[in-house]
């Protein structure tokens, strides 16, 4: 089986971390990612790794993922049943960049794994910061996600979430079709978030079903984060956007960390960010869906 062109440099970067000679000699392409190439890699000694590769100019996207995973690792308490893939190294050469992680063999999601996932996410959300934001900007898909520290949640959501997506829409040439709804929605945000004062919780940030899994022992894992400190309802809202999370997951979450009143009314406001991001990434029907969501949100308070 052919090796990745930079396999020698990638092997060397891993050897430096492990403190031993290692040769990654079997490379099997893994499907599922839309931004990076993903590989299930074996060493000559039978060790297994998960490697993400891209061109050197995409190093920043892998760096953002590395920092997000490291942050999640650092804040997972010993009693938390949720797991984060082990990080080995992040590196690049003149042509390519790569991220080496623990290889996890996925199994079937079960009621037990969904329960543990809900419990673990609730415990993760109890890790907090003084302000909303993160120590660095990162990416959501391939789009920039700004994370400047902000004391006020309403301002953070208006400026660094919805506002950045509206700016991207202008760059992509379709903001004019959304402008009336966008301006009206931003003016109504104080009413949509009235009385809601969340604490800044540590979020996965991109928690759809494709970024959560269970291994063959039903141990839950989350990966591919877009980490920041925000309203925990944002993570919960996104789990409903594309499905894949069971009633066991939600019951377990609420048992550990019950959601605040009004979550159902705020859920679409938080998911609008991701639909706008999809519109900026893929265009098509997501543009109309964004407009419809804004119209529905406006109708709630106008």
Protein backbone atom coordinates (compact mmCIF):
# COMPACT_ATOMS: atom_id res chain seq x y z
CA UNK A 1 0.00 0.00 0.00
CA UNK A 2 1.49 3.40 -0.96
CA UNK A 3 2.71 5.73 1.73
CA UNK A 4 1.80 9.38 2.07
CA UNK A 5 4.43 11.54 0.27
CA UNK A 6 5.66 13.06 3.54
CA UNK A 7 5.64 9.77 5.45
CA UNK A 8 9.35 9.98 6.29
CA UNK A 9 9.00 13.45 7.87
CA UNK A 10 5.81 12.42 9.65
CA UNK A 11 7.52 9.33 11.06
CA UNK A 12 10.42 11.48 12.26
CA UNK A 13 8.10 13.96 14.01
CA UNK A 14 6.41 11.08 15.83
CA UNK A 15 9.74 9.49 16.72
CA UNK A 16 10.84 12.72 18.40
CA UNK A 17 7.73 12.63 20.61
CA UNK A 18 7.91 8.94 21.43
CA UNK A 19 11.67 8.92 21.93
CA UNK A 20 12.12 5.89 19.72
CA UNK A 21 12.73 5.08 16.08
CA UNK A 22 9.46 4.52 14.27
CA UNK A 23 8.49 3.99 10.65
CA UNK A 24 4.91 4.53 9.52
CA UNK A 25 4.79 2.09 6.67
CA UNK A 26 1.11 1.22 6.11
CA UNK A 27 -1.27 4.03 5.19
CA UNK A 28 -5.00 3.41 4.77
CA UNK A 29 -7.23 6.30 3.72
CA UNK A 30 -10.20 6.93 6.03
CA UNK A 31 -13.37 8.54 4.70
CA UNK A 32 -15.50 11.11 6.48
CA UNK A 33 -13.49 14.33 6.54
CA UNK A 34 -14.18 17.15 4.09
CA UNK A 35 -11.21 19.42 4.93
CA UNK A 36 -8.24 17.17 5.63
CA UNK A 37 -7.10 13.79 4.40
CA UNK A 38 -7.45 11.21 7.16
CA UNK A 39 -5.40 8.06 7.52
CA UNK A 40 -5.32 4.92 9.64
CA UNK A 41 -1.59 4.28 9.88
CA UNK A 42 0.42 1.30 11.15
CA UNK A 43 4.04 1.36 12.19
CA UNK A 44 6.50 -1.41 11.41
CA UNK A 45 5.99 -2.62 15.01
CA UNK A 46 2.21 -2.80 14.67
CA UNK A 47 1.39 0.44 16.50
CA UNK A 48 -1.68 2.28 15.16
CA UNK A 49 -2.23 6.02 14.75
CA UNK A 50 -4.78 8.36 13.23
CA UNK A 51 -3.12 10.98 11.03
CA UNK A 52 -4.67 14.06 9.46
CA UNK A 53 -2.78 15.67 6.60
CA UNK A 54 -3.15 18.78 4.51
CA UNK A 55 -1.04 21.26 2.59
CA UNK A 56 1.36 23.42 4.58
CA UNK A 57 -0.84 26.50 4.14
CA UNK A 58 -3.62 24.73 6.08
CA UNK A 59 -1.42 24.27 9.15
CA UNK A 60 -3.52 26.82 11.07
CA UNK A 61 -6.64 24.64 10.83
CA UNK A 62 -4.81 21.64 12.29
CA UNK A 63 -3.24 23.91 14.91
CA UNK A 64 -6.71 25.10 15.96
CA UNK A 65 -7.84 21.49 16.31
CA UNK A 66 -4.75 20.60 18.32
CA UNK A 67 -5.30 23.49 20.73
CA UNK A 68 -8.98 22.62 21.10
CA UNK A 69 -8.29 18.96 21.83
CA UNK A 70 -5.53 19.90 24.28
CA UNK A 71 -7.91 22.25 26.10
CA UNK A 72 -10.55 19.52 26.35
CA UNK A 73 -7.91 17.09 27.64
CA UNK A 74 -6.81 19.58 30.28
CA UNK A 75 -10.35 20.10 31.58
CA UNK A 76 -11.71 16.55 31.60
CA UNK A 77 -12.00 15.60 35.26
CA UNK A 78 -11.03 12.07 36.40
CA UNK A 79 -14.66 11.13 37.09
CA UNK A 80 -15.80 12.22 33.62
CA UNK A 81 -16.75 9.20 31.42
CA UNK A 82 -16.11 11.23 28.27
CA UNK A 83 -12.85 10.68 26.40
CA UNK A 84 -10.75 12.81 24.06
CA UNK A 85 -8.35 11.20 21.54
CA UNK A 86 -4.75 11.28 22.74
CA UNK A 87 -2.57 13.85 21.02
CA UNK A 88 0.87 12.88 19.73
CA UNK A 89 2.15 15.75 17.62
CA UNK A 90 1.44 18.57 15.21
CA UNK A 91 4.07 19.46 12.62
CA UNK A 92 4.73 20.51 9.03
CA UNK A 93 7.35 20.67 6.31
CA UNK A 94 7.55 22.88 3.23
CA UNK A 95 4.70 21.08 1.47
CA UNK A 96 2.47 19.43 4.07
CA UNK A 97 1.10 19.78 7.58
CA UNK A 98 -0.10 16.94 9.80
CA UNK A 99 -1.69 16.06 13.13
CA UNK A 100 -1.13 12.66 14.73
CA UNK A 101 -3.72 11.32 17.16
CA UNK A 102 -4.65 8.11 18.90
CA UNK A 103 -6.39 5.65 16.58
CA UNK A 104 -9.85 4.66 17.87
CA UNK A 105 -11.81 1.77 16.43
CA UNK A 106 -15.43 2.85 16.43
CA UNK A 107 -18.22 0.60 17.66
CA UNK A 108 -21.97 0.94 17.78
CA UNK A 109 -23.59 3.64 19.86
CA UNK A 110 -25.59 2.05 22.69
CA UNK A 111 -27.91 3.39 25.38
CA UNK A 112 -24.96 3.11 27.77
CA UNK A 113 -22.60 5.07 25.51
CA UNK A 114 -25.21 7.77 24.91
CA UNK A 115 -25.86 8.03 28.65
CA UNK A 116 -22.14 8.36 29.35
CA UNK A 117 -21.83 10.96 26.58
CA UNK A 118 -24.62 13.05 28.12
CA UNK A 119 -23.15 12.79 31.59
CA UNK A 120 -19.68 13.64 30.33
CA UNK A 121 -20.79 16.67 28.35
CA UNK A 122 -22.68 18.00 31.37
CA UNK A 123 -19.55 17.66 33.50
CA UNK A 124 -17.43 19.31 30.80
CA UNK A 125 -19.84 22.25 30.69
CA UNK A 126 -19.23 22.81 34.39
CA UNK A 127 -15.68 23.90 33.50
CA UNK A 128 -15.95 27.67 33.25
CA UNK A 129 -14.03 30.88 32.56
CA UNK A 130 -14.45 34.50 33.71
CA UNK A 131 -15.49 35.67 30.22
CA UNK A 132 -16.89 34.38 26.94
CA UNK A 133 -14.41 33.55 24.19
CA UNK A 134 -11.14 31.64 23.99
CA UNK A 135 -7.40 32.21 24.05
CA UNK A 136 -7.21 32.05 20.25
CA UNK A 137 -9.44 32.28 17.21
CA UNK A 138 -10.12 28.96 15.51
CA UNK A 139 -12.21 27.59 12.66
CA UNK A 140 -15.74 26.29 12.20
CA UNK A 141 -15.51 24.12 9.12
CA UNK A 142 -12.96 26.12 7.15
CA UNK A 143 -14.37 29.51 8.17
CA UNK A 144 -12.77 31.72 10.78
CA UNK A 145 -14.38 31.61 14.22
CA UNK A 146 -13.39 34.67 16.24
CA UNK A 147 -13.15 34.24 20.01
CA UNK A 148 -12.14 37.58 21.51
CA UNK A 149 -12.79 37.67 25.25
CA UNK A 150 -16.11 39.37 25.99
CA UNK A 151 -17.86 39.93 29.33
CA UNK A 152 -21.37 40.12 27.90
CA UNK A 153 -22.96 37.09 26.20
CA UNK A 154 -25.38 39.10 24.07
CA UNK A 155 -22.52 41.15 22.64
CA UNK A 156 -20.44 38.05 22.02
CA UNK A 157 -23.24 36.30 20.14
CA UNK A 158 -24.16 39.39 18.12
CA UNK A 159 -20.63 40.36 17.12
CA UNK A 160 -18.46 37.26 17.10
CA UNK A 161 -20.98 34.67 16.00
CA UNK A 162 -23.80 36.15 13.93
CA UNK A 163 -21.85 39.27 12.96
CA UNK A 164 -18.89 37.34 11.57
CA UNK A 165 -21.19 35.14 9.50
CA UNK A 166 -22.99 38.18 8.06
CA UNK A 167 -19.61 39.65 7.08
CA UNK A 168 -18.72 36.40 5.33
CA UNK A 169 -22.08 36.44 3.56
CA UNK A 170 -21.25 39.89 2.23
CA UNK A 171 -17.89 38.61 0.97
CA UNK A 172 -19.66 35.71 -0.75
CA UNK A 173 -22.20 38.01 -2.37
CA UNK A 174 -25.48 36.91 -0.81
CA UNK A 175 -25.80 39.18 2.23
CA UNK A 176 -28.12 41.57 0.39
CA UNK A 177 -30.78 38.87 0.24
CA UNK A 178 -30.57 38.48 4.03
CA UNK A 179 -29.89 42.07 5.07
CA UNK A 180 -33.39 43.07 6.18
CA UNK A 181 -33.78 39.99 8.38
CA UNK A 182 -30.20 40.22 9.66
CA UNK A 183 -30.51 43.84 10.78
CA UNK A 184 -33.90 43.25 12.36
CA UNK A 185 -32.73 40.12 14.16
CA UNK A 186 -29.68 41.84 15.62
CA UNK A 187 -31.89 44.66 16.90
CA UNK A 188 -34.18 42.11 18.58
CA UNK A 189 -31.45 40.06 20.25
CA UNK A 190 -31.97 41.78 23.63
CA UNK A 191 -35.56 40.54 23.57
CA UNK A 192 -34.68 37.04 22.36
CA UNK A 193 -32.12 36.68 25.15
CA UNK A 194 -34.03 38.68 27.76
CA UNK A 195 -33.43 37.45 31.29
CA UNK A 196 -30.92 34.83 30.15
CA UNK A 197 -27.51 35.21 31.79
CA UNK A 198 -25.44 32.09 31.07
CA UNK A 199 -22.06 31.46 32.60
CA UNK A 200 -19.12 30.91 30.22
CA UNK A 201 -18.93 27.10 29.92
CA UNK A 202 -16.26 25.17 28.05
CA UNK A 203 -17.87 24.06 24.78
CA UNK A 204 -16.95 21.54 22.13
CA UNK A 205 -18.29 24.14 19.69
CA UNK A 206 -19.11 21.86 16.72
CA UNK A 207 -21.01 19.03 18.37
CA UNK A 208 -22.93 17.23 15.66
CA UNK A 209 -23.21 13.43 15.49
CA UNK A 210 -20.21 13.14 13.16
CA UNK A 211 -17.95 14.52 15.90
CA UNK A 212 -19.03 12.09 18.62
CA UNK A 213 -18.63 8.32 18.69
CA UNK A 214 -18.20 5.26 20.87
CA UNK A 215 -15.38 2.76 20.71
CA UNK A 216 -15.82 -1.00 20.65
CA UNK A 217 -16.27 -0.99 24.45
CA UNK A 218 -19.03 1.66 24.25
CA UNK A 219 -16.71 4.33 25.65
CA UNK A 220 -17.80 7.78 24.32
CA UNK A 221 -15.36 10.06 22.48
CA UNK A 222 -15.68 13.59 21.10
CA UNK A 223 -13.28 15.10 18.56
CA UNK A 224 -12.92 17.76 15.80
CA UNK A 225 -13.79 20.61 18.20
CA UNK A 226 -14.18 24.35 17.65
CA UNK A 227 -13.62 25.12 21.33
CA UNK A 228 -14.63 28.30 23.15
CA UNK A 229 -16.30 29.37 26.39
CA UNK A 230 -19.95 30.18 25.77
CA UNK A 231 -23.53 29.35 26.65
CA UNK A 232 -23.70 25.58 27.15
CA UNK A 233 -27.02 25.59 25.33
CA UNK A 234 -25.07 26.12 22.08
CA UNK A 235 -23.62 22.61 22.25
CA UNK A 236 -26.99 21.11 23.17
CA UNK A 237 -28.73 22.99 20.38
CA UNK A 238 -26.32 21.71 17.75
CA UNK A 239 -26.90 18.10 18.81
CA UNK A 240 -30.49 18.55 17.58
CA UNK A 241 -29.56 20.08 14.23
CA UNK A 242 -28.68 16.92 12.29
CA UNK A 243 -29.86 14.19 14.70
CA UNK A 244 -27.87 11.24 16.00
CA UNK A 245 -28.27 11.81 19.75
CA UNK A 246 -30.76 9.68 21.66
CA UNK A 247 -33.22 10.34 24.46
CA UNK A 248 -30.73 8.62 26.79
CA UNK A 249 -28.17 11.33 26.00
CA UNK A 250 -30.53 14.22 26.82
CA UNK A 251 -31.91 12.55 29.96
CA UNK A 252 -28.40 11.93 31.28
CA UNK A 253 -27.31 15.49 30.56
CA UNK A 254 -30.32 16.99 32.31
CA UNK A 255 -29.91 14.70 35.30
CA UNK A 256 -26.36 15.99 35.86
CA UNK A 257 -26.85 19.61 34.79
CA UNK A 258 -30.49 20.60 34.13
CA UNK A 259 -31.05 23.11 31.33
CA UNK A 260 -32.40 26.56 32.07
CA UNK A 261 -35.97 27.62 31.33
CA UNK A 262 -36.38 29.00 27.83
CA UNK A 263 -33.83 26.75 26.14
CA UNK A 264 -36.35 25.60 23.53
CA UNK A 265 -36.92 29.23 22.51
CA UNK A 266 -33.17 29.96 22.26
CA UNK A 267 -32.24 26.74 20.45
CA UNK A 268 -32.98 28.05 16.93
CA UNK A 269 -31.08 31.27 17.61
CA UNK A 270 -27.97 29.26 18.42
CA UNK A 271 -28.41 26.87 15.50
CA UNK A 272 -28.78 29.81 13.12
CA UNK A 273 -25.02 30.33 13.50
CA UNK A 274 -24.29 26.89 12.10
CA UNK A 275 -26.81 27.21 9.26
CA UNK A 276 -25.28 30.56 8.30
CA UNK A 277 -21.86 28.92 8.42
CA UNK A 278 -23.11 26.17 6.11
CA UNK A 279 -24.49 28.85 3.79
CA UNK A 280 -21.06 30.47 3.69
CA UNK A 281 -19.35 27.13 3.13
CA UNK A 282 -21.75 25.49 0.69
CA UNK A 283 -24.35 28.05 -0.43
CA UNK A 284 -27.42 26.48 -2.00
CA UNK A 285 -30.46 25.80 0.16
CA UNK A 286 -28.68 26.85 3.35
CA UNK A 287 -29.09 30.49 2.30
CA UNK A 288 -32.86 30.17 2.15
CA UNK A 289 -32.90 28.14 5.36
CA UNK A 290 -30.96 30.91 7.12
CA UNK A 291 -33.50 33.48 5.96
CA UNK A 292 -36.43 31.32 7.08
CA UNK A 293 -34.88 30.77 10.50
CA UNK A 294 -34.36 34.51 10.97
CA UNK A 295 -37.93 35.24 9.94
CA UNK A 296 -39.19 32.70 12.46
CA UNK A 297 -37.03 34.14 15.25
CA UNK A 298 -38.18 37.67 14.46
CA UNK A 299 -41.81 36.55 14.59
CA UNK A 300 -41.32 35.33 18.17
CA UNK A 301 -40.79 38.84 19.54
CA UNK A 302 -42.05 41.35 16.98
